[in-house]
Amino acid sequence: MTSSPEVPDPRRAADEGGMSAKQRRRERISGAAMMLFAERGFDGVPIAEIADAAGVSKMTVTNHFPLKEDLVFDEFDGDVRRVAGVVAGVSSVAEAVSAIEGYCAERERTGGTARALATADPDAWRGFAALVLGSRALTLRFHAQYLDIRDAIGAALPTALPAPESAVAAWMLAETVHLVDWWPYEQVARGATSPAIRAGRAEVRVRAFAALRDGLGAASGNAADPVRPR
């Protein structure tokens, strides 16, 4: 079945909650896609079928989500901006480490994974993780994000740092965030329960950043900042 183009209605520019017509349309597309992905997996659902389910044209779907993977990971750009924001203005690599660990600690309390694990049905997040693990395209898209995070960190580090040191620090910082973010998915692959994943996230983050401090200290010959967010 072919989708028919949408006809915009100016009277529906915003709903009673203040959401614009564009935002409502984006939510409708995303919701339709996730329902289909849950039923048949990411790779088994074409864009045209998502468009039909959402009541929009195929072009509208790709205008909102240029890559099919963006339907699942539509918050990645925001994550990159937030990481860049927390390291903006740091005066040293050690300060950047503490700032980024603080970012990771905050996400353990308020991020999307934390919210999903705390719901009445925390296993719903395990279903999402299984969707990602079951698709090579989604798994690659997840990992590729950390190249953008590395670049954002590198751009925010002090310009006085020697280029090799700055590049190494940016890679190590981004890969530590990567490890912390990917750990819950690995646990789903191993059959861990949602409560166990929720309970273990802070310990993994603390250990990962402790190892990062040791590694950066050895690489630069300087003592690392001992302050660790909890």
C-alpha atoms as a PDB file:
ATOM      1  CA  MET A   1       0.000   0.000   0.000  1.00  0.00           C
ATOM      2  CA  THR A   2       1.273   3.479  -0.859  1.00  0.00           C
ATOM      3  CA  SER A   3       1.155   6.328   1.625  1.00  0.00           C
ATOM      4  CA  SER A   4      -0.644   9.492   0.593  1.00  0.00           C
ATOM      5  CA  PRO A   5       1.002  12.884   1.230  1.00  0.00           C
ATOM      6  CA  GLU A   6      -0.139  14.775   4.289  1.00  0.00           C
ATOM      7  CA  VAL A   7      -2.116  17.977   3.958  1.00  0.00           C
ATOM      8  CA  PRO A   8      -1.049  20.383   6.733  1.00  0.00           C
ATOM      9  CA  ASP A   9      -3.851  21.987   8.729  1.00  0.00           C
ATOM     10  CA  PRO A  10      -2.869  25.406  10.152  1.00  0.00           C
ATOM     11  CA  ARG A  11      -5.583  25.106  12.790  1.00  0.00           C
ATOM     12  CA  ARG A  12      -3.630  22.253  14.346  1.00  0.00           C
ATOM     13  CA  ALA A  13      -0.351  24.127  14.733  1.00  0.00           C
ATOM     14  CA  ALA A  14      -0.181  23.166  18.403  1.00  0.00           C
ATOM     15  CA  ASP A  15      -2.145  20.954  20.749  1.00  0.00           C
ATOM     16  CA  GLU A  16      -3.334  21.844  24.221  1.00  0.00           C
ATOM     17  CA  GLY A  17      -0.016  20.748  25.732  1.00  0.00           C
ATOM     18  CA  GLY A  18       1.955  23.158  23.559  1.00  0.00           C
ATOM     19  CA  MET A  19       3.340  20.497  21.209  1.00  0.00           C
ATOM     20  CA  SER A  20       3.588  21.726  17.618  1.00  0.00           C
ATOM     21  CA  ALA A  21       2.082  19.877  14.684  1.00  0.00           C
ATOM     22  CA  LYS A  22       5.610  18.944  13.622  1.00  0.00           C
ATOM     23  CA  GLN A  23       6.413  17.519  17.045  1.00  0.00           C
ATOM     24  CA  ARG A  24       3.142  15.564  17.128  1.00  0.00           C
ATOM     25  CA  ARG A  25       3.857  14.148  13.695  1.00  0.00           C
ATOM     26  CA  ARG A  26       7.364  13.155  14.739  1.00  0.00           C
ATOM     27  CA  GLU A  27       6.011  11.407  17.836  1.00  0.00           C
ATOM     28  CA  ARG A  28       3.401   9.584  15.764  1.00  0.00           C
ATOM     29  CA  ILE A  29       6.012   8.333  13.321  1.00  0.00           C
ATOM     30  CA  SER A  30       8.354   7.230  16.089  1.00  0.00           C
ATOM     31  CA  GLY A  31       5.572   5.447  17.974  1.00  0.00           C
ATOM     32  CA  ALA A  32       4.364   3.607  14.878  1.00  0.00           C
ATOM     33  CA  ALA A  33       7.920   2.540  14.046  1.00  0.00           C
ATOM     34  CA  MET A  34       8.654   1.196  17.515  1.00  0.00           C
ATOM     35  CA  MET A  35       5.436  -0.841  17.541  1.00  0.00           C
ATOM     36  CA  LEU A  36       6.359  -2.424  14.218  1.00  0.00           C
ATOM     37  CA  PHE A  37       9.963  -3.005  15.297  1.00  0.00           C
ATOM     38  CA  ALA A  38       8.744  -4.717  18.477  1.00  0.00           C
ATOM     39  CA  GLU A  39       6.621  -7.059  16.397  1.00  0.00           C
ATOM     40  CA  ARG A  40       9.065  -7.951  13.623  1.00  0.00           C
ATOM     41  CA  GLY A  41      12.462  -6.558  14.461  1.00  0.00           C
ATOM     42  CA  PHE A  42      14.231  -3.536  13.051  1.00  0.00           C
ATOM     43  CA  ASP A  43      15.500  -5.112   9.845  1.00  0.00           C
ATOM     44  CA  GLY A  44      12.135  -6.593   8.909  1.00  0.00           C
ATOM     45  CA  VAL A  45      10.210  -3.314   8.683  1.00  0.00           C
ATOM     46  CA  PRO A  46      10.603  -1.029   5.629  1.00  0.00           C
ATOM     47  CA  ILE A  47      10.220   2.744   5.805  1.00  0.00           C
ATOM     48  CA  ALA A  48       7.141   2.619   3.539  1.00  0.00           C
ATOM     49  CA  GLU A  49       5.302   0.446   6.062  1.00  0.00           C
ATOM     50  CA  ILE A  50       6.186   2.828   8.892  1.00  0.00           C
ATOM     51  CA  ALA A  51       4.824   5.699   6.831  1.00  0.00           C
ATOM     52  CA  ASP A  52       1.551   3.832   6.231  1.00  0.00           C
ATOM     53  CA  ALA A  53       1.181   3.003   9.921  1.00  0.00           C
ATOM     54  CA  ALA A  54       1.784   6.640  10.908  1.00  0.00           C
ATOM     55  CA  GLY A  55      -0.502   8.010   8.197  1.00  0.00           C
ATOM     56  CA  VAL A  56       2.212  10.061   6.508  1.00  0.00           C
ATOM     57  CA  SER A  57       4.225   9.924   3.314  1.00  0.00           C
ATOM     58  CA  LYS A  58       7.530   8.103   3.069  1.00  0.00           C
ATOM     59  CA  MET A  59       9.213  11.440   2.388  1.00  0.00           C
ATOM     60  CA  THR A  60       7.789  12.825   5.641  1.00  0.00           C
ATOM     61  CA  VAL A  61       9.356   9.945   7.566  1.00  0.00           C
ATOM     62  CA  THR A  62      12.779  10.576   6.032  1.00  0.00           C
ATOM     63  CA  ASN A  63      12.469  14.322   6.554  1.00  0.00           C
ATOM     64  CA  HIS A  64      12.069  13.732  10.288  1.00  0.00           C
ATOM     65  CA  PHE A  65      14.417  10.737  10.475  1.00  0.00           C
ATOM     66  CA  PRO A  66      17.038  10.821   7.679  1.00  0.00           C
ATOM     67  CA  LEU A  67      18.350   7.398   8.695  1.00  0.00           C
ATOM     68  CA  LYS A  68      16.087   4.514   9.625  1.00  0.00           C
ATOM     69  CA  GLU A  69      18.269   3.993  12.715  1.00  0.00           C
ATOM     70  CA  ASP A  70      17.295   7.498  13.881  1.00  0.00           C
ATOM     71  CA  LEU A  71      13.804   6.145  14.586  1.00  0.00           C
ATOM     72  CA  VAL A  72      15.346   4.147  17.424  1.00  0.00           C
ATOM     73  CA  PHE A  73      18.193   6.451  18.473  1.00  0.00           C
ATOM     74  CA  ASP A  74      16.572   9.839  18.059  1.00  0.00           C
ATOM     75  CA  GLU A  75      18.278  11.290  21.157  1.00  0.00           C
ATOM     76  CA  PHE A  76      21.870  10.778  20.014  1.00  0.00           C
ATOM     77  CA  ASP A  77      22.373  14.331  18.784  1.00  0.00           C
ATOM     78  CA  GLY A  78      21.185  15.640  22.132  1.00  0.00           C
ATOM     79  CA  ASP A  79      23.627  13.337  23.946  1.00  0.00           C
ATOM     80  CA  VAL A  80      26.532  14.713  21.927  1.00  0.00           C
ATOM     81  CA  ARG A  81      25.482  18.294  22.710  1.00  0.00           C
ATOM     82  CA  ARG A  82      25.172  17.524  26.419  1.00  0.00           C
ATOM     83  CA  VAL A  83      28.635  15.944  26.578  1.00  0.00           C
ATOM     84  CA  ALA A  84      30.085  18.964  24.778  1.00  0.00           C
ATOM     85  CA  GLY A  85      28.296  21.226  27.246  1.00  0.00           C
ATOM     86  CA  VAL A  86      29.683  19.580  30.377  1.00  0.00           C
ATOM     87  CA  VAL A  87      33.287  19.812  29.167  1.00  0.00           C
ATOM     88  CA  ALA A  88      33.013  23.335  27.781  1.00  0.00           C
ATOM     89  CA  GLY A  89      35.442  25.617  29.582  1.00  0.00           C
ATOM     90  CA  VAL A  90      37.427  22.933  31.430  1.00  0.00           C
ATOM     91  CA  SER A  91      40.992  23.920  32.242  1.00  0.00           C
ATOM     92  CA  SER A  92      42.548  20.449  32.309  1.00  0.00           C
ATOM     93  CA  VAL A  93      42.017  16.853  31.266  1.00  0.00           C
ATOM     94  CA  ALA A  94      41.473  15.891  34.910  1.00  0.00           C
ATOM     95  CA  GLU A  95      38.659  18.427  35.146  1.00  0.00           C
ATOM     96  CA  ALA A  96      37.139  17.017  31.959  1.00  0.00           C
ATOM     97  CA  VAL A  97      37.213  13.511  33.457  1.00  0.00           C
ATOM     98  CA  SER A  98      35.291  14.645  36.541  1.00  0.00           C
ATOM     99  CA  ALA A  99      32.811  16.626  34.436  1.00  0.00           C
ATOM    100  CA  ILE A 100      32.052  13.675  32.171  1.00  0.00           C
ATOM    101  CA  GLU A 101      31.763  11.228  35.054  1.00  0.00           C
ATOM    102  CA  GLY A 102      29.295  13.648  36.603  1.00  0.00           C
ATOM    103  CA  TYR A 103      27.339  13.577  33.335  1.00  0.00           C
ATOM    104  CA  CYS A 104      27.274   9.762  33.408  1.00  0.00           C
ATOM    105  CA  ALA A 105      26.251   9.721  37.082  1.00  0.00           C
ATOM    106  CA  GLU A 106      23.379  12.103  36.380  1.00  0.00           C
ATOM    107  CA  ARG A 107      22.143   9.895  33.558  1.00  0.00           C
ATOM    108  CA  GLU A 108      22.073   6.946  35.955  1.00  0.00           C
ATOM    109  CA  ARG A 109      19.433   8.908  37.859  1.00  0.00           C
ATOM    110  CA  THR A 110      17.511  10.698  35.122  1.00  0.00           C
ATOM    111  CA  GLY A 111      18.500   9.352  31.693  1.00  0.00           C
ATOM    112  CA  GLY A 112      16.299   7.342  29.357  1.00  0.00           C
ATOM    113  CA  THR A 113      17.660   3.972  30.473  1.00  0.00           C
ATOM    114  CA  ALA A 114      17.199   4.936  34.123  1.00  0.00           C
ATOM    115  CA  ARG A 115      13.605   6.013  33.495  1.00  0.00           C
ATOM    116  CA  ALA A 116      12.820   2.792  31.634  1.00  0.00           C
ATOM    117  CA  LEU A 117      14.379   0.582  34.301  1.00  0.00           C
ATOM    118  CA  ALA A 118      12.359   2.371  36.989  1.00  0.00           C
ATOM    119  CA  THR A 119       8.959   1.952  35.320  1.00  0.00           C
ATOM    120  CA  ALA A 120       6.252  -0.448  36.411  1.00  0.00           C
ATOM    121  CA  ASP A 121       7.462  -2.736  33.614  1.00  0.00           C
ATOM    122  CA  PRO A 122      11.268  -2.427  33.714  1.00  0.00           C
ATOM    123  CA  ASP A 123      11.628  -5.382  31.367  1.00  0.00           C
ATOM    124  CA  ALA A 124      10.300  -3.134  28.609  1.00  0.00           C
ATOM    125  CA  TRP A 125      13.804  -1.667  28.427  1.00  0.00           C
ATOM    126  CA  ARG A 126      15.258  -5.160  28.097  1.00  0.00           C
ATOM    127  CA  GLY A 127      13.014  -5.575  25.054  1.00  0.00           C
ATOM    128  CA  PHE A 128      14.454  -2.385  23.590  1.00  0.00           C
ATOM    129  CA  ALA A 129      17.996  -3.581  24.266  1.00  0.00           C
ATOM    130  CA  ALA A 130      17.192  -6.921  22.624  1.00  0.00           C
ATOM    131  CA  LEU A 131      15.924  -5.017  19.562  1.00  0.00           C
ATOM    132  CA  VAL A 132      19.279  -3.211  19.302  1.00  0.00           C
ATOM    133  CA  LEU A 133      21.290  -6.372  19.893  1.00  0.00           C
ATOM    134  CA  GLY A 134      19.291  -8.203  17.246  1.00  0.00           C
ATOM    135  CA  SER A 135      20.179  -5.758  14.471  1.00  0.00           C
ATOM    136  CA  ARG A 136      23.693  -5.235  13.159  1.00  0.00           C
ATOM    137  CA  ALA A 137      22.626  -1.859  11.734  1.00  0.00           C
ATOM    138  CA  LEU A 138      21.392  -0.635  15.125  1.00  0.00           C
ATOM    139  CA  THR A 139      24.423  -1.998  16.960  1.00  0.00           C
ATOM    140  CA  LEU A 140      26.781  -0.235  14.550  1.00  0.00           C
ATOM    141  CA  ARG A 141      24.783   2.999  14.845  1.00  0.00           C
ATOM    142  CA  PHE A 142      25.016   2.806  18.639  1.00  0.00           C
ATOM    143  CA  HIS A 143      28.794   2.421  18.567  1.00  0.00           C
ATOM    144  CA  ALA A 144      29.287   5.086  15.892  1.00  0.00           C
ATOM    145  CA  GLN A 145      27.858   7.745  18.199  1.00  0.00           C
ATOM    146  CA  TYR A 146      31.016   7.726  20.268  1.00  0.00           C
ATOM    147  CA  LEU A 147      33.073   9.030  17.367  1.00  0.00           C
ATOM    148  CA  ASP A 148      30.920  12.166  17.519  1.00  0.00           C
ATOM    149  CA  ILE A 149      31.328  12.284  21.298  1.00  0.00           C
ATOM    150  CA  ARG A 150      35.108  11.977  20.904  1.00  0.00           C
ATOM    151  CA  ASP A 151      35.118  14.897  18.481  1.00  0.00           C
ATOM    152  CA  ALA A 152      32.939  16.995  20.802  1.00  0.00           C
ATOM    153  CA  ILE A 153      35.258  16.323  23.743  1.00  0.00           C
ATOM    154  CA  GLY A 154      38.373  17.018  21.677  1.00  0.00           C
ATOM    155  CA  ALA A 155      36.975  20.358  20.555  1.00  0.00           C
ATOM    156  CA  ALA A 156      36.257  21.363  24.167  1.00  0.00           C
ATOM    157  CA  LEU A 157      39.634  20.442  25.684  1.00  0.00           C
ATOM    158  CA  PRO A 158      42.069  23.293  26.363  1.00  0.00           C
ATOM    159  CA  THR A 159      43.868  24.420  23.215  1.00  0.00           C
ATOM    160  CA  ALA A 160      47.115  24.673  25.193  1.00  0.00           C
ATOM    161  CA  LEU A 161      47.283  20.879  25.441  1.00  0.00           C
ATOM    162  CA  PRO A 162      49.784  19.261  23.062  1.00  0.00           C
ATOM    163  CA  ALA A 163      47.923  17.726  20.111  1.00  0.00           C
ATOM    164  CA  PRO A 164      48.887  14.084  20.857  1.00  0.00           C
ATOM    165  CA  GLU A 165      47.839  14.386  24.499  1.00  0.00           C
ATOM    166  CA  SER A 166      44.555  16.044  23.573  1.00  0.00           C
ATOM    167  CA  ALA A 167      43.726  13.369  20.992  1.00  0.00           C
ATOM    168  CA  VAL A 168      44.520  10.513  23.375  1.00  0.00           C
ATOM    169  CA  ALA A 169      42.495  12.104  26.167  1.00  0.00           C
ATOM    170  CA  ALA A 170      39.470  12.648  23.899  1.00  0.00           C
ATOM    171  CA  TRP A 171      39.554   9.035  22.718  1.00  0.00           C
ATOM    172  CA  MET A 172      39.887   7.657  26.251  1.00  0.00           C
ATOM    173  CA  LEU A 173      37.116   9.866  27.617  1.00  0.00           C
ATOM    174  CA  ALA A 174      34.729   8.951  24.800  1.00  0.00           C
ATOM    175  CA  GLU A 175      35.498   5.253  25.091  1.00  0.00           C
ATOM    176  CA  THR A 176      34.860   5.318  28.833  1.00  0.00           C
ATOM    177  CA  VAL A 177      31.417   6.830  28.235  1.00  0.00           C
ATOM    178  CA  HIS A 178      30.959   4.177  25.538  1.00  0.00           C
ATOM    179  CA  LEU A 179      31.801   1.375  27.954  1.00  0.00           C
ATOM    180  CA  VAL A 180      29.437   2.714  30.624  1.00  0.00           C
ATOM    181  CA  ASP A 181      26.596   3.130  28.120  1.00  0.00           C
ATOM    182  CA  TRP A 182      27.056  -0.264  26.462  1.00  0.00           C
ATOM    183  CA  TRP A 183      27.356  -2.271  29.680  1.00  0.00           C
ATOM    184  CA  PRO A 184      23.555  -2.570  30.245  1.00  0.00           C
ATOM    185  CA  TYR A 185      23.126  -3.939  26.716  1.00  0.00           C
ATOM    186  CA  GLU A 186      25.829  -6.534  27.334  1.00  0.00           C
ATOM    187  CA  GLN A 187      24.021  -7.555  30.494  1.00  0.00           C
ATOM    188  CA  VAL A 188      20.782  -8.094  28.582  1.00  0.00           C
ATOM    189  CA  ALA A 189      22.697 -10.318  26.154  1.00  0.00           C
ATOM    190  CA  ARG A 190      23.887 -12.342  29.157  1.00  0.00           C
ATOM    191  CA  GLY A 191      20.376 -12.693  30.573  1.00  0.00           C
ATOM    192  CA  ALA A 192      20.725 -10.297  33.522  1.00  0.00           C
ATOM    193  CA  THR A 193      17.542  -9.021  35.165  1.00  0.00           C
ATOM    194  CA  SER A 194      16.545  -5.379  35.093  1.00  0.00           C
ATOM    195  CA  PRO A 195      17.052  -4.942  38.884  1.00  0.00           C
ATOM    196  CA  ALA A 196      20.577  -6.370  38.579  1.00  0.00           C
ATOM    197  CA  ILE A 197      21.380  -4.023  35.697  1.00  0.00           C
ATOM    198  CA  ARG A 198      20.005  -1.036  37.591  1.00  0.00           C
ATOM    199  CA  ALA A 199      21.995  -1.954  40.703  1.00  0.00           C
ATOM    200  CA  GLY A 200      25.268  -2.496  38.870  1.00  0.00           C
ATOM    201  CA  ARG A 201      25.444   0.635  36.731  1.00  0.00           C
ATOM    202  CA  ALA A 202      27.036   2.910  39.338  1.00  0.00           C
ATOM    203  CA  GLU A 203      29.734   0.384  40.241  1.00  0.00           C
ATOM    204  CA  VAL A 204      30.656  -0.079  36.587  1.00  0.00           C
ATOM    205  CA  ARG A 205      30.852   3.663  36.070  1.00  0.00           C
ATOM    206  CA  VAL A 206      33.040   4.214  39.164  1.00  0.00           C
ATOM    207  CA  ARG A 207      35.436   1.428  38.179  1.00  0.00           C
ATOM    208  CA  ALA A 208      35.612   2.591  34.565  1.00  0.00           C
ATOM    209  CA  PHE A 209      36.465   6.171  35.483  1.00  0.00           C
ATOM    210  CA  ALA A 210      38.986   5.026  38.102  1.00  0.00           C
ATOM    211  CA  ALA A 211      40.758   3.053  35.377  1.00  0.00           C
ATOM    212  CA  LEU A 212      40.533   6.074  33.076  1.00  0.00           C
ATOM    213  CA  ARG A 213      42.197   8.315  35.669  1.00  0.00           C
ATOM    214  CA  ASP A 214      44.990   5.812  36.122  1.00  0.00           C
ATOM    215  CA  GLY A 215      45.456   5.532  32.358  1.00  0.00           C
ATOM    216  CA  LEU A 216      45.479   9.270  31.746  1.00  0.00           C
ATOM    217  CA  GLY A 217      47.803   9.824  34.672  1.00  0.00           C
ATOM    218  CA  ALA A 218      50.266   7.309  33.266  1.00  0.00           C
ATOM    219  CA  ALA A 219      49.979   8.803  29.777  1.00  0.00           C
ATOM    220  CA  SER A 220      50.581  12.382  30.916  1.00  0.00           C
ATOM    221  CA  GLY A 221      52.743  11.813  33.967  1.00  0.00           C
ATOM    222  CA  ASN A 222      50.364  13.926  36.052  1.00  0.00           C
ATOM    223  CA  ALA A 223      48.216  13.022  38.992  1.00  0.00           C
ATOM    224  CA  ALA A 224      44.526  12.869  38.103  1.00  0.00           C
ATOM    225  CA  ASP A 225      41.753  14.687  39.897  1.00  0.00           C
ATOM    226  CA  PRO A 226      40.638  12.419  42.781  1.00  0.00           C
ATOM    227  CA  VAL A 227      37.082  13.803  42.944  1.00  0.00           C
ATOM    228  CA  ARG A 228      34.600  11.161  41.780  1.00  0.00           C
ATOM    229  CA  PRO A 229      30.848  11.751  41.482  1.00  0.00           C
ATOM    230  CA  ARG A 230      28.681   9.261  43.334  1.00  0.00           C
END
